[in-house]
């Protein structure tokens, strides 16, 4: 593609050299640069791409985009290279990538979901409804990238970098995707990863304290303002008005077309007559002109909110209430309050909760609707923040009725040492607990002590199908493990009968 066409939409550029040249590819990683590429130097948190411009030139870069202030005189053999200066190379990368790949988001309907919690579940619910309605759907999020029902790759972050993102969208367009639904993190908005994307609808789920750190957001206001960027990019918004920050959005964007949803406050879409058990959430909602009963196999009050957001989107696409009902009943999100169907009919939930806040949230949620015992099985990952281990032990000791402390991904650490640190926290409480270092044995122990009115929470690993020990990843899919354990227990029971 001609360099001039790649730069369309970028302003206040300065530079030297020929703009009327053909570019074979775009890269921000100098190692991946090939002959005829455009290299865009990005200042990262740990490395600065400007330090690798010389490498990019030697690898064949034909043009370079740099940030204002970089001294090009440091370079060797750059006389034939087109050099462009801009104020923000992250923005330049996003816009250039979108142009290079043919502005793919203009060729499909794009739905962006932002918020502190609920992004993953909401996107899966939307995907399920749209697919059941016969749409070709793409999904980009924390767990994986899907195109037309097939998992293309596991994700290493909620929202990919702009270059990868546009490549994914281009692949979706190539494969005939009609609607793409994407989790949009505050970081991706702040760092221009989604610049150049053309959203058709955006959703705001909720807002609470998170991501406050030197490499993320300095304070809550910066965090909130980053999320609001999505509403500057798209006029059609869907907002949870039960959330204090969400309730402000309609007045902050009076010119936008905003639909609201909620449980407690007046909204366009309101859930009533809610029933929550340890197996499902059930509620009444008005779809078009009829009151409909909706049931979803993801229990919890938060599940009602996520369902409402998905229903708002379904209505935008004119999808029938019958399809909405079927999809929400069937949807399962890998590792997010995921119930494992089993012959014993014991509520067994797999959840990715691996931080003090997420563990507290899931335990408080299930405690509120479980009639029997809450049995929590969890550990903490090795080679990660050890300070959270006793905190998580204390949280489970205070909320769960019984805790089994076990191993997670010990990585290069001794699992017994990790368990001891968790135990230091639980000892501060009056909580009942047991230590079973082997995670498989711990899961079996929990299942043996559980009945139909109880709930077993397998916290920490979520969608991960492996356990990492001493640098090796061993197969460890908790869904498969649960089913094998229950089959083993059933076989023992049948032997005794005979």
Protein backbone atom coordinates (compact mmCIF):
# COMPACT_ATOMS: atom_id res chain seq x y z
CA UNK A 1 0.00 0.00 0.00
CA UNK A 2 1.15 3.55 -0.72
CA UNK A 3 2.54 5.31 2.36
CA UNK A 4 0.30 8.33 1.75
CA UNK A 5 -2.78 6.11 2.07
CA UNK A 6 -1.44 4.52 5.26
CA UNK A 7 -1.10 7.97 6.87
CA UNK A 8 -4.67 9.13 6.11
CA UNK A 9 -6.28 10.51 9.27
CA UNK A 10 -3.03 11.37 11.04
CA UNK A 11 -2.49 15.06 11.73
CA UNK A 12 0.42 17.36 12.61
CA UNK A 13 2.99 15.15 10.94
CA UNK A 14 6.50 16.40 10.13
CA UNK A 15 9.09 14.55 8.15
CA UNK A 16 11.65 14.10 5.44
CA UNK A 17 11.82 11.80 2.49
CA UNK A 18 9.44 10.43 -0.11
CA UNK A 19 5.84 9.72 0.93
CA UNK A 20 4.93 8.28 -2.46
CA UNK A 21 6.41 4.82 -1.79
CA UNK A 22 4.95 1.34 -1.47
CA UNK A 23 4.90 -0.27 1.98
CA UNK A 24 4.81 -4.07 2.32
CA UNK A 25 3.92 -4.28 5.99
CA UNK A 26 3.79 -2.48 9.34
CA UNK A 27 5.65 -3.43 12.52
CA UNK A 28 6.41 -2.00 15.95
CA UNK A 29 8.82 -4.84 16.75
CA UNK A 30 12.15 -4.30 14.94
CA UNK A 31 12.85 -8.07 14.90
CA UNK A 32 9.77 -8.66 12.72
CA UNK A 33 10.59 -5.92 10.21
CA UNK A 34 11.16 -7.13 6.63
CA UNK A 35 12.15 -5.47 3.40
CA UNK A 36 9.86 -2.56 2.48
CA UNK A 37 8.18 -2.31 5.92
CA UNK A 38 7.06 0.75 7.88
CA UNK A 39 8.52 0.66 11.41
CA UNK A 40 6.70 2.60 14.14
CA UNK A 41 8.72 3.23 17.30
CA UNK A 42 6.64 2.87 20.47
CA UNK A 43 7.70 3.95 23.96
CA UNK A 44 6.72 1.03 26.17
CA UNK A 45 6.82 0.66 29.96
CA UNK A 46 10.02 -1.37 29.95
CA UNK A 47 11.54 -0.76 26.49
CA UNK A 48 11.60 2.12 24.04
CA UNK A 49 11.20 1.24 20.37
CA UNK A 50 13.28 4.28 19.42
CA UNK A 51 16.33 2.36 20.64
CA UNK A 52 15.74 -0.25 17.92
CA UNK A 53 15.27 2.02 14.90
CA UNK A 54 18.75 1.16 13.60
CA UNK A 55 17.89 -2.56 13.78
CA UNK A 56 14.66 -1.92 11.88
CA UNK A 57 16.57 -0.06 9.14
CA UNK A 58 19.08 -2.91 8.86
CA UNK A 59 16.18 -5.39 8.59
CA UNK A 60 14.79 -3.51 5.59
CA UNK A 61 12.49 -0.74 6.89
CA UNK A 62 11.66 1.73 4.12
CA UNK A 63 9.94 4.27 6.39
CA UNK A 64 10.02 5.11 10.11
CA UNK A 65 7.51 6.89 12.34
CA UNK A 66 9.03 8.41 15.47
CA UNK A 67 7.90 10.70 18.28
CA UNK A 68 8.74 14.39 18.21
CA UNK A 69 12.09 15.12 19.83
CA UNK A 70 13.97 12.02 18.71
CA UNK A 71 17.40 12.92 17.29
CA UNK A 72 17.65 11.18 13.91
CA UNK A 73 21.30 12.18 13.62
CA UNK A 74 22.09 9.24 15.92
CA UNK A 75 21.22 6.91 13.04
CA UNK A 76 23.50 5.48 10.36
CA UNK A 77 22.55 4.95 6.72
CA UNK A 78 19.17 6.63 7.09
CA UNK A 79 19.48 9.02 4.12
CA UNK A 80 17.18 6.93 1.86
CA UNK A 81 14.66 6.24 4.63
CA UNK A 82 11.41 8.25 4.87
CA UNK A 83 11.18 9.58 8.43
CA UNK A 84 7.92 10.92 9.88
CA UNK A 85 7.57 12.64 13.24
CA UNK A 86 4.34 12.66 15.25
CA UNK A 87 3.25 13.57 18.77
CA UNK A 88 1.93 10.09 19.56
CA UNK A 89 3.29 6.99 17.85
CA UNK A 90 0.74 4.70 19.58
CA UNK A 91 -2.05 6.62 17.88
CA UNK A 92 -0.08 6.54 14.60
CA UNK A 93 0.30 2.75 14.85
CA UNK A 94 -3.44 2.27 15.41
CA UNK A 95 -4.53 4.52 12.53
CA UNK A 96 -1.84 3.22 10.14
CA UNK A 97 -2.75 -0.41 10.95
CA UNK A 98 -6.45 0.24 10.36
CA UNK A 99 -5.69 1.89 7.00
CA UNK A 100 -3.21 -0.80 5.95
CA UNK A 101 -5.73 -3.60 6.61
CA UNK A 102 -8.50 -1.79 4.74
CA UNK A 103 -10.35 -0.29 7.76
CA UNK A 104 -11.99 -3.65 8.54
CA UNK A 105 -14.30 -2.40 11.31
CA UNK A 106 -16.23 -0.39 8.70
CA UNK A 107 -17.15 -3.69 7.05
CA UNK A 108 -18.81 -5.30 10.09
CA UNK A 109 -20.93 -4.28 13.08
CA UNK A 110 -18.64 -3.71 16.08
CA UNK A 111 -19.83 -3.91 19.70
CA UNK A 112 -17.47 -2.72 22.45
CA UNK A 113 -17.96 -3.70 26.10
CA UNK A 114 -16.16 -1.80 28.86
CA UNK A 115 -16.46 -1.78 32.67
CA UNK A 116 -14.54 -3.05 35.68
CA UNK A 117 -16.41 -6.35 35.88
CA UNK A 118 -18.73 -8.33 33.65
CA UNK A 119 -17.03 -7.66 30.30
CA UNK A 120 -16.18 -11.29 29.57
CA UNK A 121 -19.57 -12.74 30.54
CA UNK A 122 -21.48 -10.01 28.69
CA UNK A 123 -19.51 -10.57 25.46
CA UNK A 124 -20.13 -14.34 25.62
CA UNK A 125 -23.84 -13.79 26.20
CA UNK A 126 -24.03 -11.46 23.19
CA UNK A 127 -22.07 -13.94 21.06
CA UNK A 128 -24.41 -16.78 22.05
CA UNK A 129 -27.57 -14.78 21.23
CA UNK A 130 -26.27 -13.51 17.88
CA UNK A 131 -25.03 -16.95 16.81
CA UNK A 132 -28.34 -18.55 17.76
CA UNK A 133 -30.01 -15.89 15.58
CA UNK A 134 -27.90 -17.10 12.65
CA UNK A 135 -25.31 -14.32 12.60
CA UNK A 136 -21.64 -14.90 11.84
CA UNK A 137 -19.87 -13.62 14.95
CA UNK A 138 -16.33 -12.79 16.05
CA UNK A 139 -15.27 -12.31 19.68
CA UNK A 140 -12.13 -10.70 21.13
CA UNK A 141 -11.56 -10.78 24.87
CA UNK A 142 -9.72 -11.85 27.99
CA UNK A 143 -10.05 -15.58 27.39
CA UNK A 144 -9.67 -16.05 23.64
CA UNK A 145 -10.39 -14.88 20.09
CA UNK A 146 -13.24 -16.66 18.28
CA UNK A 147 -14.25 -16.43 14.63
CA UNK A 148 -17.52 -18.07 13.52
CA UNK A 149 -17.63 -20.37 16.56
CA UNK A 150 -14.01 -21.53 16.28
CA UNK A 151 -11.37 -20.57 18.83
CA UNK A 152 -8.52 -18.99 16.88
CA UNK A 153 -6.12 -18.32 19.77
CA UNK A 154 -5.88 -17.86 23.52
CA UNK A 155 -5.53 -14.26 24.67
CA UNK A 156 -2.65 -12.81 26.64
CA UNK A 157 -4.46 -9.54 27.40
CA UNK A 158 -8.05 -8.27 27.40
CA UNK A 159 -7.66 -6.07 24.30
CA UNK A 160 -4.79 -6.78 21.86
CA UNK A 161 -2.33 -4.13 20.67
CA UNK A 162 -3.69 -2.09 17.76
CA UNK A 163 -1.66 -3.81 15.04
CA UNK A 164 -2.74 -7.31 16.12
CA UNK A 165 -6.29 -6.07 16.63
CA UNK A 166 -6.62 -4.79 13.06
CA UNK A 167 -5.10 -8.04 11.75
CA UNK A 168 -7.78 -9.98 13.66
CA UNK A 169 -10.57 -7.76 12.30
CA UNK A 170 -9.21 -8.18 8.76
CA UNK A 171 -9.29 -11.97 9.24
CA UNK A 172 -12.88 -11.70 10.50
CA UNK A 173 -13.91 -9.73 7.41
CA UNK A 174 -12.17 -12.28 5.20
CA UNK A 175 -14.11 -15.08 6.94
CA UNK A 176 -17.47 -13.35 6.49
CA UNK A 177 -18.06 -12.19 10.07
CA UNK A 178 -21.08 -9.88 10.32
CA UNK A 179 -20.81 -8.81 13.97
CA UNK A 180 -17.73 -8.55 16.21
CA UNK A 181 -18.04 -8.17 19.96
CA UNK A 182 -14.98 -7.05 21.92
CA UNK A 183 -13.94 -6.43 25.50
CA UNK A 184 -12.46 -2.94 25.65
CA UNK A 185 -10.13 -2.39 28.62
CA UNK A 186 -9.37 1.05 30.07
CA UNK A 187 -5.70 0.47 29.18
CA UNK A 188 -6.59 -0.13 25.54
CA UNK A 189 -8.48 3.17 25.46
CA UNK A 190 -5.73 5.07 27.25
CA UNK A 191 -2.98 3.60 25.04
CA UNK A 192 -4.85 4.09 21.73
CA UNK A 193 -5.16 0.36 20.99
CA UNK A 194 -8.73 0.79 19.70
CA UNK A 195 -8.11 4.09 17.89
CA UNK A 196 -9.18 3.63 14.28
CA UNK A 197 -11.98 1.21 15.24
CA UNK A 198 -15.49 2.25 14.24
CA UNK A 199 -17.93 1.07 16.91
CA UNK A 200 -21.64 0.63 16.23
CA UNK A 201 -22.64 0.04 19.88
CA UNK A 202 -20.81 0.40 23.20
CA UNK A 203 -21.73 -0.99 26.63
CA UNK A 204 -20.74 0.21 30.12
CA UNK A 205 -21.25 -2.57 32.71
CA UNK A 206 -20.05 -1.04 36.00
CA UNK A 207 -17.17 0.77 37.67
CA UNK A 208 -15.19 0.04 40.84
CA UNK A 209 -11.63 0.40 42.10
CA UNK A 210 -9.12 -1.54 40.01
CA UNK A 211 -6.05 -1.03 37.81
CA UNK A 212 -4.58 1.78 39.95
CA UNK A 213 -0.81 1.42 39.59
CA UNK A 214 2.21 3.26 38.12
CA UNK A 215 1.84 1.39 34.80
CA UNK A 216 -1.95 1.69 34.60
CA UNK A 217 -4.00 4.57 36.06
CA UNK A 218 -2.71 7.07 38.66
CA UNK A 219 -6.17 7.47 40.21
CA UNK A 220 -9.86 6.58 39.85
CA UNK A 221 -10.66 9.72 37.85
CA UNK A 222 -8.09 8.83 35.18
CA UNK A 223 -9.50 5.28 35.13
CA UNK A 224 -13.07 6.55 34.62
CA UNK A 225 -12.11 9.15 32.01
CA UNK A 226 -10.27 6.43 30.05
CA UNK A 227 -13.47 4.35 29.90
CA UNK A 228 -15.51 7.38 28.81
CA UNK A 229 -13.38 7.63 25.64
CA UNK A 230 -15.50 4.82 24.24
CA UNK A 231 -18.59 7.06 24.32
CA UNK A 232 -16.66 9.73 22.40
CA UNK A 233 -15.98 7.11 19.72
CA UNK A 234 -19.58 5.89 19.39
CA UNK A 235 -22.98 7.60 19.63
CA UNK A 236 -24.96 4.45 20.49
CA UNK A 237 -24.47 3.52 24.15
CA UNK A 238 -25.92 0.96 26.56
CA UNK A 239 -25.41 1.76 30.25
CA UNK A 240 -26.05 0.17 33.65
CA UNK A 241 -27.76 2.98 35.61
CA UNK A 242 -27.64 1.09 38.92
CA UNK A 243 -23.91 1.83 38.87
CA UNK A 244 -23.12 5.28 40.33
CA UNK A 245 -20.65 6.15 37.57
CA UNK A 246 -22.81 4.58 34.86
CA UNK A 247 -25.75 6.76 35.96
CA UNK A 248 -23.69 9.88 35.09
CA UNK A 249 -23.02 8.85 31.49
CA UNK A 250 -26.34 9.88 29.85
CA UNK A 251 -25.95 13.46 31.16
CA UNK A 252 -22.24 13.53 30.22
CA UNK A 253 -23.14 12.61 26.62
CA UNK A 254 -26.53 14.27 25.98
CA UNK A 255 -26.12 14.02 22.19
CA UNK A 256 -25.55 10.26 22.29
CA UNK A 257 -28.34 7.72 21.83
CA UNK A 258 -28.11 5.92 25.20
CA UNK A 259 -30.28 3.00 26.32
CA UNK A 260 -30.24 2.19 30.05
CA UNK A 261 -30.71 -1.02 32.01
CA UNK A 262 -30.95 -1.83 35.71
CA UNK A 263 -32.67 -3.55 38.61
CA UNK A 264 -33.10 -0.85 41.28
CA UNK A 265 -33.36 2.38 39.29
CA UNK A 266 -35.68 3.52 36.52
CA UNK A 267 -34.31 2.30 33.18
CA UNK A 268 -35.32 1.46 29.62
CA UNK A 269 -34.83 -2.23 30.40
CA UNK A 270 -35.69 -3.27 33.94
CA UNK A 271 -35.35 -6.70 35.59
CA UNK A 272 -38.09 -7.60 38.08
CA UNK A 273 -39.20 -10.59 40.16
CA UNK A 274 -35.64 -11.97 40.43
CA UNK A 275 -34.86 -15.46 41.74
CA UNK A 276 -31.25 -16.51 42.31
CA UNK A 277 -30.22 -20.03 43.32
CA UNK A 278 -26.91 -21.87 43.32
CA UNK A 279 -27.71 -23.15 39.81
CA UNK A 280 -29.31 -20.23 37.95
CA UNK A 281 -30.61 -16.65 37.88
CA UNK A 282 -34.22 -16.10 36.84
CA UNK A 283 -36.00 -12.78 36.23
CA UNK A 284 -38.79 -11.02 34.39
CA UNK A 285 -38.11 -8.35 31.77
CA UNK A 286 -40.14 -6.53 29.13
CA UNK A 287 -38.90 -7.39 25.62
CA UNK A 288 -40.65 -5.34 22.92
CA UNK A 289 -44.19 -5.18 24.35
CA UNK A 290 -44.32 -8.43 26.36
CA UNK A 291 -43.10 -9.44 29.81
CA UNK A 292 -40.75 -12.41 29.39
CA UNK A 293 -39.29 -14.82 31.92
CA UNK A 294 -35.53 -15.17 31.37
CA UNK A 295 -33.38 -17.84 33.00
CA UNK A 296 -29.61 -18.14 32.74
CA UNK A 297 -27.40 -20.98 33.96
CA UNK A 298 -24.88 -18.49 35.37
CA UNK A 299 -26.05 -17.75 38.92
CA UNK A 300 -25.68 -14.43 40.73
CA UNK A 301 -27.16 -10.93 40.71
CA UNK A 302 -24.33 -9.76 38.42
CA UNK A 303 -25.56 -12.32 35.91
CA UNK A 304 -28.89 -10.50 35.71
CA UNK A 305 -27.07 -7.25 34.85
CA UNK A 306 -24.95 -8.96 32.20
CA UNK A 307 -28.05 -10.59 30.70
CA UNK A 308 -29.81 -7.20 30.53
CA UNK A 309 -26.87 -5.68 28.63
CA UNK A 310 -26.95 -8.59 26.17
CA UNK A 311 -30.74 -8.26 25.74
CA UNK A 312 -30.30 -4.54 24.92
CA UNK A 313 -27.98 -5.54 22.06
CA UNK A 314 -30.34 -8.32 20.93
CA UNK A 315 -33.14 -5.75 20.65
CA UNK A 316 -30.92 -3.53 18.47
CA UNK A 317 -30.65 -6.47 16.07
CA UNK A 318 -34.36 -7.30 16.25
CA UNK A 319 -33.79 -10.75 17.72
CA UNK A 320 -36.85 -12.59 19.05
CA UNK A 321 -37.46 -13.20 22.75
CA UNK A 322 -37.52 -16.95 22.09
CA UNK A 323 -33.94 -16.92 20.75
CA UNK A 324 -32.82 -14.65 23.62
CA UNK A 325 -34.34 -17.08 26.17
CA UNK A 326 -32.71 -20.15 24.62
CA UNK A 327 -29.28 -18.51 24.30
CA UNK A 328 -29.12 -17.14 27.84
CA UNK A 329 -30.19 -20.48 29.28
CA UNK A 330 -27.46 -22.33 27.37
CA UNK A 331 -24.54 -19.87 27.57
CA UNK A 332 -21.47 -20.84 29.61
CA UNK A 333 -18.36 -18.70 30.02
CA UNK A 334 -15.09 -20.65 30.47
CA UNK A 335 -13.89 -20.11 34.03
CA UNK A 336 -16.31 -17.31 34.92
CA UNK A 337 -18.88 -18.59 37.45
CA UNK A 338 -18.94 -21.68 35.25
CA UNK A 339 -21.11 -24.49 36.58
CA UNK A 340 -19.97 -28.01 35.71
CA UNK A 341 -22.92 -30.30 34.92
CA UNK A 342 -22.51 -33.60 36.77
CA UNK A 343 -24.38 -36.79 37.62
CA UNK A 344 -24.48 -36.01 41.34
CA UNK A 345 -26.20 -32.67 40.60
CA UNK A 346 -23.88 -30.92 43.06
CA UNK A 347 -23.36 -27.23 42.21
CA UNK A 348 -19.64 -27.10 41.30
CA UNK A 349 -18.44 -23.74 40.05
CA UNK A 350 -15.13 -22.97 38.34
CA UNK A 351 -14.08 -19.33 38.67
CA UNK A 352 -10.91 -17.46 37.70
CA UNK A 353 -10.85 -15.57 41.03
CA UNK A 354 -7.13 -15.30 41.78
CA UNK A 355 -6.86 -11.98 43.64
CA UNK A 356 -8.16 -10.98 47.08
CA UNK A 357 -10.91 -8.79 45.58
CA UNK A 358 -12.09 -11.36 43.03
CA UNK A 359 -12.10 -14.18 45.63
CA UNK A 360 -14.11 -12.04 48.05
CA UNK A 361 -16.56 -11.07 45.28
CA UNK A 362 -17.29 -14.62 44.18
CA UNK A 363 -17.56 -15.97 47.74
CA UNK A 364 -19.91 -13.18 48.86
CA UNK A 365 -22.00 -13.65 45.71
CA UNK A 366 -22.50 -17.41 46.22
CA UNK A 367 -22.98 -16.99 49.98
CA UNK A 368 -25.95 -14.70 49.31
CA UNK A 369 -27.94 -17.35 47.44
CA UNK A 370 -26.64 -20.74 48.67
CA UNK A 371 -28.89 -22.45 51.24
CA UNK A 372 -26.23 -24.97 52.24
CA UNK A 373 -22.46 -24.79 52.73
CA UNK A 374 -20.01 -22.80 50.62
CA UNK A 375 -16.92 -24.99 50.12
CA UNK A 376 -13.97 -23.11 48.68
CA UNK A 377 -10.98 -24.85 47.06
CA UNK A 378 -8.15 -22.48 46.19
CA UNK A 379 -4.41 -21.86 46.11
CA UNK A 380 -2.13 -19.06 44.91
CA UNK A 381 0.22 -18.94 41.95
CA UNK A 382 3.96 -19.17 42.47
CA UNK A 383 6.46 -16.49 41.37
CA UNK A 384 3.73 -13.85 41.83
CA UNK A 385 2.73 -11.41 44.58
CA UNK A 386 3.24 -13.42 47.79
CA UNK A 387 1.67 -10.67 49.92
CA UNK A 388 -1.83 -11.58 48.76
CA UNK A 389 -1.59 -15.19 50.01
CA UNK A 390 -2.42 -14.65 53.71
CA UNK A 391 -5.03 -12.02 52.71
CA UNK A 392 -6.84 -14.55 50.52
CA UNK A 393 -6.61 -17.15 53.27
CA UNK A 394 -8.27 -14.73 55.69
CA UNK A 395 -11.00 -13.85 53.15
CA UNK A 396 -11.94 -17.48 52.56
CA UNK A 397 -11.78 -18.22 56.30
CA UNK A 398 -14.25 -15.43 57.02
CA UNK A 399 -16.75 -16.07 54.20
CA UNK A 400 -16.65 -19.76 53.17
CA UNK A 401 -18.12 -22.42 55.45
CA UNK A 402 -15.19 -24.69 54.66
CA UNK A 403 -11.91 -24.01 52.86
CA UNK A 404 -9.54 -26.52 51.29
CA UNK A 405 -6.17 -24.86 50.75
CA UNK A 406 -4.36 -26.40 47.81
CA UNK A 407 -1.94 -25.76 44.96
CA UNK A 408 -2.58 -23.47 41.97
CA UNK A 409 0.25 -22.92 39.45
CA UNK A 410 3.27 -23.24 41.78
CA UNK A 411 5.63 -22.50 38.88
CA UNK A 412 9.18 -22.56 40.34
CA UNK A 413 8.10 -22.23 43.99
CA UNK A 414 7.60 -25.00 46.54
CA UNK A 415 3.79 -25.54 46.72
CA UNK A 416 3.99 -26.42 50.44
CA UNK A 417 5.54 -23.00 51.19
CA UNK A 418 2.76 -21.22 49.27
CA UNK A 419 0.12 -23.18 51.16
CA UNK A 420 1.75 -22.28 54.51
CA UNK A 421 1.52 -18.56 53.65
CA UNK A 422 -2.19 -18.91 52.82
CA UNK A 423 -2.66 -20.83 56.09
CA UNK A 424 -1.12 -17.93 58.05
CA UNK A 425 -4.10 -15.83 56.97
CA UNK A 426 -6.86 -18.37 57.55
CA UNK A 427 -5.56 -19.01 61.09
CA UNK A 428 -6.58 -15.43 61.97
CA UNK A 429 -10.21 -16.47 61.45
CA UNK A 430 -12.51 -19.05 63.00
CA UNK A 431 -13.00 -20.63 59.59
CA UNK A 432 -12.96 -24.40 59.18
CA UNK A 433 -10.28 -25.55 56.77
CA UNK A 434 -8.06 -28.37 55.60
CA UNK A 435 -4.80 -28.47 53.64
CA UNK A 436 -4.61 -30.82 50.63
CA UNK A 437 -1.62 -29.76 48.53
CA UNK A 438 -2.46 -31.97 45.53
CA UNK A 439 -5.18 -30.00 43.69
CA UNK A 440 -6.88 -33.04 42.18
CA UNK A 441 -7.15 -34.68 45.62
CA UNK A 442 -8.43 -31.38 47.06
CA UNK A 443 -11.21 -31.24 44.46
CA UNK A 444 -12.19 -34.82 45.26
CA UNK A 445 -12.27 -34.01 48.99
CA UNK A 446 -14.61 -31.06 48.35
CA UNK A 447 -16.97 -33.09 46.16
CA UNK A 448 -17.19 -35.85 48.80
CA UNK A 449 -18.35 -33.38 51.46
CA UNK A 450 -20.87 -31.53 49.27
CA UNK A 451 -24.62 -32.03 48.83
CA UNK A 452 -27.18 -30.58 46.40
CA UNK A 453 -27.90 -27.51 48.54
CA UNK A 454 -24.17 -26.73 48.92
CA UNK A 455 -21.81 -25.19 46.38
CA UNK A 456 -18.17 -26.05 45.65
CA UNK A 457 -16.07 -23.15 44.35
CA UNK A 458 -12.90 -24.12 42.48
CA UNK A 459 -11.17 -20.75 42.47
CA UNK A 460 -8.06 -19.50 40.72
CA UNK A 461 -7.53 -21.43 37.52
CA UNK A 462 -10.74 -20.67 35.65
CA UNK A 463 -10.36 -21.22 31.90
CA UNK A 464 -6.75 -22.47 32.16
CA UNK A 465 -6.52 -26.11 30.98
CA UNK A 466 -3.11 -26.67 32.58
CA UNK A 467 -1.10 -26.55 35.81
CA UNK A 468 2.35 -24.98 35.65
CA UNK A 469 5.03 -26.72 37.73
CA UNK A 470 8.77 -26.01 37.42
CA UNK A 471 8.45 -24.33 34.03
CA UNK A 472 6.31 -27.11 32.51
CA UNK A 473 2.59 -26.96 31.77
CA UNK A 474 0.75 -30.19 32.57
CA UNK A 475 -2.83 -30.90 31.37
CA UNK A 476 -5.24 -29.86 34.13
CA UNK A 477 -8.73 -29.04 32.90
CA UNK A 478 -10.94 -28.84 35.98
CA UNK A 479 -14.10 -29.65 34.00
CA UNK A 480 -12.60 -32.99 32.91
CA UNK A 481 -11.16 -33.64 36.39
CA UNK A 482 -14.54 -33.03 38.09
CA UNK A 483 -16.31 -35.43 35.73
CA UNK A 484 -13.65 -38.13 36.22
CA UNK A 485 -13.81 -37.81 40.01
CA UNK A 486 -17.61 -38.07 40.01
CA UNK A 487 -17.48 -41.09 37.69
CA UNK A 488 -14.96 -42.72 40.04
CA UNK A 489 -17.18 -42.06 43.07
CA UNK A 490 -20.23 -43.39 41.20
CA UNK A 491 -18.34 -46.57 40.23
CA UNK A 492 -17.33 -47.14 43.88
CA UNK A 493 -20.92 -46.63 44.99
CA UNK A 494 -22.23 -49.10 42.39
CA UNK A 495 -19.61 -51.71 43.40
CA UNK A 496 -20.77 -51.51 47.00
CA UNK A 497 -24.39 -52.01 45.89
CA UNK A 498 -23.40 -55.12 43.96
